């Protein structure tokens, strides 16, 4: 009985993570002047954004030059990847693709 419960929980959890990761994109080579607000504004035209985060150094608080944007649906995320990958912003060519889970 316990094995069945664990299997069901694993299946449900895997399905949820797949959906979440499908709507989350990685944005690399960001201008160091970008904050969460600027990142969100740059991708707002593709659909509803639930979260936009620029990763910062924990000691200095400065941007590390990459971030993540989470969209409400996968189609908006796909459109954003297609349109923004390779686009130049403030002299920097963005690297945009689907976010992958940490390993």
N, C-alpha and C. Protein backbone atom coordinates (compact mmCIF):
# COMPACT_ATOMS: atom_id res chain seq x y z
N UNK A 1 0.83 -1.21 0.00
CA UNK A 1 0.00 0.00 0.00
C UNK A 1 0.87 1.27 0.00
N UNK A 2 1.91 1.26 0.80
CA UNK A 2 2.78 2.42 0.87
C UNK A 2 3.47 2.68 -0.47
N UNK A 3 3.87 1.63 -1.18
CA UNK A 3 4.51 1.79 -2.49
C UNK A 3 3.59 2.50 -3.47
N UNK A 4 2.30 2.16 -3.44
CA UNK A 4 1.33 2.81 -4.35
C UNK A 4 1.21 4.29 -4.02
N UNK A 5 1.16 4.62 -2.73
CA UNK A 5 1.04 6.02 -2.34
C UNK A 5 2.27 6.81 -2.78
N UNK A 6 3.43 6.25 -2.62
CA UNK A 6 4.66 6.93 -3.01
C UNK A 6 4.69 7.11 -4.52
N UNK A 7 4.28 6.10 -5.28
CA UNK A 7 4.26 6.19 -6.74
C UNK A 7 3.31 7.27 -7.21
N UNK A 8 2.13 7.34 -6.61
CA UNK A 8 1.15 8.35 -6.99
C UNK A 8 1.67 9.74 -6.65
N UNK A 9 2.25 9.89 -5.47
CA UNK A 9 2.80 11.17 -5.07
C UNK A 9 3.92 11.59 -6.02
N UNK A 10 4.79 10.67 -6.37
CA UNK A 10 5.87 10.97 -7.30
C UNK A 10 5.32 11.39 -8.65
N UNK A 11 4.31 10.67 -9.15
CA UNK A 11 3.71 11.00 -10.45
C UNK A 11 3.08 12.38 -10.42
N UNK A 12 2.37 12.70 -9.37
CA UNK A 12 1.73 14.01 -9.26
C UNK A 12 2.77 15.11 -9.15
N UNK A 13 3.78 14.87 -8.36
CA UNK A 13 4.82 15.88 -8.18
C UNK A 13 5.61 16.11 -9.48
N UNK A 14 5.91 15.06 -10.20
CA UNK A 14 6.63 15.17 -11.46
C UNK A 14 5.80 15.97 -12.47
N UNK A 15 4.53 15.69 -12.54
CA UNK A 15 3.65 16.40 -13.47
C UNK A 15 3.61 17.89 -13.14
N UNK A 16 3.52 18.22 -11.87
CA UNK A 16 3.47 19.61 -11.46
C UNK A 16 4.76 20.33 -11.81
N UNK A 17 5.91 19.69 -11.54
CA UNK A 17 7.20 20.32 -11.83
C UNK A 17 7.38 20.53 -13.33
N UNK A 18 6.91 19.57 -14.13
CA UNK A 18 7.03 19.69 -15.58
C UNK A 18 6.26 20.91 -16.07
N UNK A 19 5.06 21.10 -15.56
CA UNK A 19 4.27 22.26 -15.97
C UNK A 19 4.96 23.54 -15.55
N UNK A 20 5.42 23.58 -14.31
CA UNK A 20 6.05 24.80 -13.82
C UNK A 20 7.31 25.13 -14.62
N UNK A 21 8.13 24.13 -14.90
CA UNK A 21 9.36 24.39 -15.62
C UNK A 21 9.09 24.76 -17.08
N UNK A 22 7.99 24.26 -17.65
CA UNK A 22 7.67 24.57 -19.03
C UNK A 22 7.33 26.03 -19.23
N UNK A 23 6.82 26.69 -18.19
CA UNK A 23 6.43 28.09 -18.30
C UNK A 23 7.52 29.04 -17.79
N UNK A 24 8.64 28.48 -17.35
CA UNK A 24 9.73 29.29 -16.81
C UNK A 24 10.87 29.30 -17.81
N UNK A 25 11.38 30.51 -18.08
CA UNK A 25 12.49 30.62 -19.03
C UNK A 25 13.71 31.23 -18.35
N UNK A 26 14.87 30.88 -18.87
CA UNK A 26 16.14 31.42 -18.42
C UNK A 26 16.51 32.56 -19.36
N UNK A 27 16.99 33.65 -18.81
CA UNK A 27 17.44 34.79 -19.61
C UNK A 27 18.86 35.12 -19.18
N UNK A 28 19.80 34.88 -20.08
CA UNK A 28 21.21 35.11 -19.77
C UNK A 28 21.79 36.28 -20.54
N UNK A 29 22.94 36.73 -20.09
CA UNK A 29 23.67 37.85 -20.69
C UNK A 29 22.88 39.16 -20.58
N UNK A 30 22.17 39.30 -19.48
CA UNK A 30 21.42 40.54 -19.23
C UNK A 30 22.37 41.70 -18.95
N UNK A 31 21.96 42.91 -19.32
CA UNK A 31 22.74 44.07 -18.90
C UNK A 31 22.76 44.12 -17.37
N UNK A 32 23.88 44.48 -16.79
CA UNK A 32 24.00 44.50 -15.33
C UNK A 32 23.13 45.57 -14.69
N UNK A 33 22.63 46.49 -15.49
CA UNK A 33 21.75 47.54 -14.98
C UNK A 33 20.32 47.03 -14.79
N UNK A 34 19.99 45.86 -15.31
CA UNK A 34 18.63 45.32 -15.23
C UNK A 34 18.31 44.82 -13.83
N UNK A 35 17.10 45.17 -13.38
CA UNK A 35 16.54 44.64 -12.14
C UNK A 35 15.31 43.83 -12.49
N UNK A 36 14.59 43.38 -11.48
CA UNK A 36 13.39 42.58 -11.69
C UNK A 36 12.35 43.32 -12.54
N UNK A 37 12.18 44.60 -12.26
CA UNK A 37 11.18 45.41 -12.99
C UNK A 37 11.52 45.50 -14.47
N UNK A 38 12.77 45.79 -14.79
CA UNK A 38 13.19 45.93 -16.20
C UNK A 38 13.06 44.59 -16.94
N UNK A 39 13.39 43.51 -16.25
CA UNK A 39 13.25 42.18 -16.86
C UNK A 39 11.79 41.89 -17.16
N UNK A 40 10.92 42.16 -16.23
CA UNK A 40 9.49 41.95 -16.44
C UNK A 40 8.97 42.80 -17.59
N UNK A 41 9.38 44.06 -17.65
CA UNK A 41 8.93 44.95 -18.72
C UNK A 41 9.41 44.48 -20.09
N UNK A 42 10.62 43.92 -20.15
CA UNK A 42 11.18 43.46 -21.42
C UNK A 42 10.39 42.28 -22.00
N UNK A 43 9.75 41.49 -21.14
CA UNK A 43 9.05 40.29 -21.59
C UNK A 43 7.53 40.39 -21.46
N UNK A 44 7.01 41.51 -21.00
CA UNK A 44 5.57 41.67 -20.75
C UNK A 44 4.71 41.53 -22.00
N UNK A 45 5.25 41.86 -23.15
CA UNK A 45 4.44 41.83 -24.38
C UNK A 45 4.10 40.41 -24.84
N UNK A 46 4.73 39.40 -24.25
CA UNK A 46 4.50 38.02 -24.69
C UNK A 46 3.40 37.31 -23.92
N UNK A 47 2.97 37.85 -22.81
CA UNK A 47 1.90 37.24 -22.03
C UNK A 47 2.01 37.60 -20.57
N UNK A 48 1.11 37.03 -19.79
CA UNK A 48 1.06 37.32 -18.35
C UNK A 48 2.27 36.72 -17.64
N UNK A 49 2.98 37.56 -16.93
CA UNK A 49 4.15 37.14 -16.17
C UNK A 49 3.76 36.98 -14.71
N UNK A 50 4.07 35.81 -14.15
CA UNK A 50 3.78 35.59 -12.73
C UNK A 50 4.96 35.93 -11.84
N UNK A 51 6.18 35.90 -12.43
CA UNK A 51 7.37 36.24 -11.66
C UNK A 51 8.52 36.56 -12.61
N UNK A 52 9.30 37.55 -12.27
CA UNK A 52 10.52 37.90 -13.01
C UNK A 52 11.59 38.22 -11.98
N UNK A 53 12.70 37.46 -12.02
CA UNK A 53 13.73 37.61 -11.00
C UNK A 53 15.11 37.69 -11.66
N UNK A 54 15.85 38.73 -11.34
CA UNK A 54 17.24 38.83 -11.74
C UNK A 54 18.06 38.28 -10.57
N UNK A 55 18.94 37.33 -10.85
CA UNK A 55 19.75 36.72 -9.80
C UNK A 55 20.87 37.69 -9.42
N UNK A 56 21.01 37.87 -8.09
CA UNK A 56 21.99 38.82 -7.58
C UNK A 56 23.00 38.12 -6.67
N UNK A 57 24.19 38.68 -6.63
CA UNK A 57 25.22 38.19 -5.72
C UNK A 57 24.76 38.44 -4.28
N UNK A 58 24.87 37.44 -3.45
CA UNK A 58 24.32 37.58 -2.10
C UNK A 58 25.12 38.55 -1.23
N UNK A 59 26.37 38.78 -1.55
CA UNK A 59 27.19 39.67 -0.73
C UNK A 59 27.16 41.12 -1.22
N UNK A 60 27.30 41.31 -2.52
CA UNK A 60 27.35 42.67 -3.05
C UNK A 60 25.97 43.19 -3.45
N UNK A 61 25.03 42.28 -3.72
CA UNK A 61 23.69 42.68 -4.17
C UNK A 61 23.64 43.06 -5.64
N UNK A 62 24.78 42.93 -6.34
CA UNK A 62 24.82 43.26 -7.77
C UNK A 62 24.30 42.11 -8.61
N UNK A 63 23.75 42.45 -9.76
CA UNK A 63 23.24 41.45 -10.69
C UNK A 63 24.35 40.53 -11.16
N UNK A 64 24.00 39.25 -11.34
CA UNK A 64 24.96 38.29 -11.90
C UNK A 64 24.82 38.20 -13.42
N UNK A 65 23.89 38.97 -14.00
CA UNK A 65 23.75 39.01 -15.45
C UNK A 65 22.81 37.97 -16.02
N UNK A 66 22.02 37.33 -15.17
CA UNK A 66 21.01 36.40 -15.67
C UNK A 66 19.82 36.39 -14.74
N UNK A 67 18.72 35.85 -15.24
CA UNK A 67 17.50 35.80 -14.44
C UNK A 67 16.51 34.80 -15.02
N UNK A 68 15.33 34.79 -14.44
CA UNK A 68 14.27 33.86 -14.84
C UNK A 68 12.95 34.61 -14.93
N UNK A 69 12.17 34.25 -15.94
CA UNK A 69 10.83 34.81 -16.11
C UNK A 69 9.86 33.64 -16.13
N UNK A 70 8.82 33.72 -15.31
CA UNK A 70 7.80 32.68 -15.27
C UNK A 70 6.51 33.24 -15.86
N UNK A 71 6.00 32.56 -16.86
CA UNK A 71 4.76 32.96 -17.52
C UNK A 71 3.59 32.13 -17.02
N UNK A 72 2.39 32.68 -17.14
CA UNK A 72 1.19 31.97 -16.70
C UNK A 72 0.89 30.76 -17.60
N UNK A 73 1.33 30.80 -18.86
CA UNK A 73 1.10 29.65 -19.74
C UNK A 73 2.32 29.38 -20.62
N UNK A 74 2.42 28.15 -21.07
CA UNK A 74 3.59 27.72 -21.84
C UNK A 74 3.70 28.38 -23.21
N UNK A 75 2.57 28.69 -23.85
CA UNK A 75 2.65 29.30 -25.19
C UNK A 75 3.31 30.67 -25.13
N UNK A 76 3.05 31.42 -24.08
CA UNK A 76 3.68 32.74 -23.93
C UNK A 76 5.19 32.57 -23.73
N UNK A 77 5.58 31.57 -22.95
CA UNK A 77 7.00 31.31 -22.73
C UNK A 77 7.68 30.93 -24.04
N UNK A 78 7.04 30.09 -24.84
CA UNK A 78 7.61 29.67 -26.12
C UNK A 78 7.79 30.85 -27.07
N UNK A 79 6.79 31.73 -27.12
CA UNK A 79 6.88 32.92 -27.97
C UNK A 79 8.04 33.81 -27.53
N UNK A 80 8.19 33.96 -26.23
CA UNK A 80 9.26 34.81 -25.70
C UNK A 80 10.63 34.24 -26.05
N UNK A 81 10.79 32.93 -25.95
CA UNK A 81 12.08 32.30 -26.28
C UNK A 81 12.41 32.54 -27.75
N UNK A 82 11.44 32.30 -28.61
CA UNK A 82 11.65 32.47 -30.05
C UNK A 82 12.00 33.92 -30.41
N UNK A 83 11.30 34.86 -29.82
CA UNK A 83 11.48 36.27 -30.19
C UNK A 83 12.71 36.92 -29.53
N UNK A 84 13.03 36.51 -28.31
CA UNK A 84 14.06 37.24 -27.56
C UNK A 84 15.45 36.59 -27.60
N UNK A 85 15.54 35.32 -27.95
CA UNK A 85 16.86 34.69 -27.99
C UNK A 85 17.70 35.34 -29.10
N UNK A 86 18.83 35.88 -28.73
CA UNK A 86 19.71 36.55 -29.68
C UNK A 86 19.43 38.03 -29.85
N UNK A 87 18.36 38.52 -29.25
CA UNK A 87 18.04 39.95 -29.36
C UNK A 87 19.04 40.76 -28.53
N UNK A 88 19.44 41.91 -29.08
CA UNK A 88 20.40 42.76 -28.39
C UNK A 88 19.69 43.81 -27.55
N UNK A 89 20.09 43.90 -26.29
CA UNK A 89 19.58 44.93 -25.38
C UNK A 89 20.78 45.57 -24.70
N UNK A 90 20.87 46.88 -24.81
CA UNK A 90 22.00 47.64 -24.23
C UNK A 90 23.35 47.05 -24.63
N UNK A 91 23.46 46.65 -25.89
CA UNK A 91 24.73 46.14 -26.40
C UNK A 91 25.06 44.71 -26.02
N UNK A 92 24.11 43.99 -25.41
CA UNK A 92 24.35 42.60 -25.00
C UNK A 92 23.33 41.68 -25.69
N UNK A 93 23.82 40.62 -26.30
CA UNK A 93 22.95 39.66 -26.98
C UNK A 93 22.40 38.66 -25.97
N UNK A 94 21.07 38.69 -25.79
CA UNK A 94 20.43 37.82 -24.80
C UNK A 94 20.50 36.35 -25.21
N UNK A 95 20.62 35.49 -24.22
CA UNK A 95 20.52 34.04 -24.38
C UNK A 95 19.26 33.64 -23.64
N UNK A 96 18.25 33.20 -24.38
CA UNK A 96 16.96 32.88 -23.78
C UNK A 96 16.58 31.46 -24.16
N UNK A 97 16.26 30.64 -23.16
CA UNK A 97 15.76 29.30 -23.40
C UNK A 97 14.94 28.80 -22.24
N UNK A 98 14.34 27.63 -22.41
CA UNK A 98 13.52 27.06 -21.33
C UNK A 98 14.41 26.76 -20.13
N UNK A 99 13.93 27.13 -18.96
CA UNK A 99 14.70 26.88 -17.73
C UNK A 99 14.75 25.38 -17.45
N UNK A 100 15.87 24.94 -16.93
CA UNK A 100 16.04 23.54 -16.57
C UNK A 100 16.16 23.46 -15.05
N UNK A 101 15.70 22.37 -14.47
CA UNK A 101 15.82 22.24 -13.00
C UNK A 101 17.27 22.16 -12.56
N UNK A 102 17.54 22.61 -11.35
CA UNK A 102 18.89 22.51 -10.79
C UNK A 102 19.29 21.06 -10.66
N UNK A 103 20.56 20.81 -10.88
CA UNK A 103 21.06 19.44 -10.73
C UNK A 103 21.96 19.31 -9.55
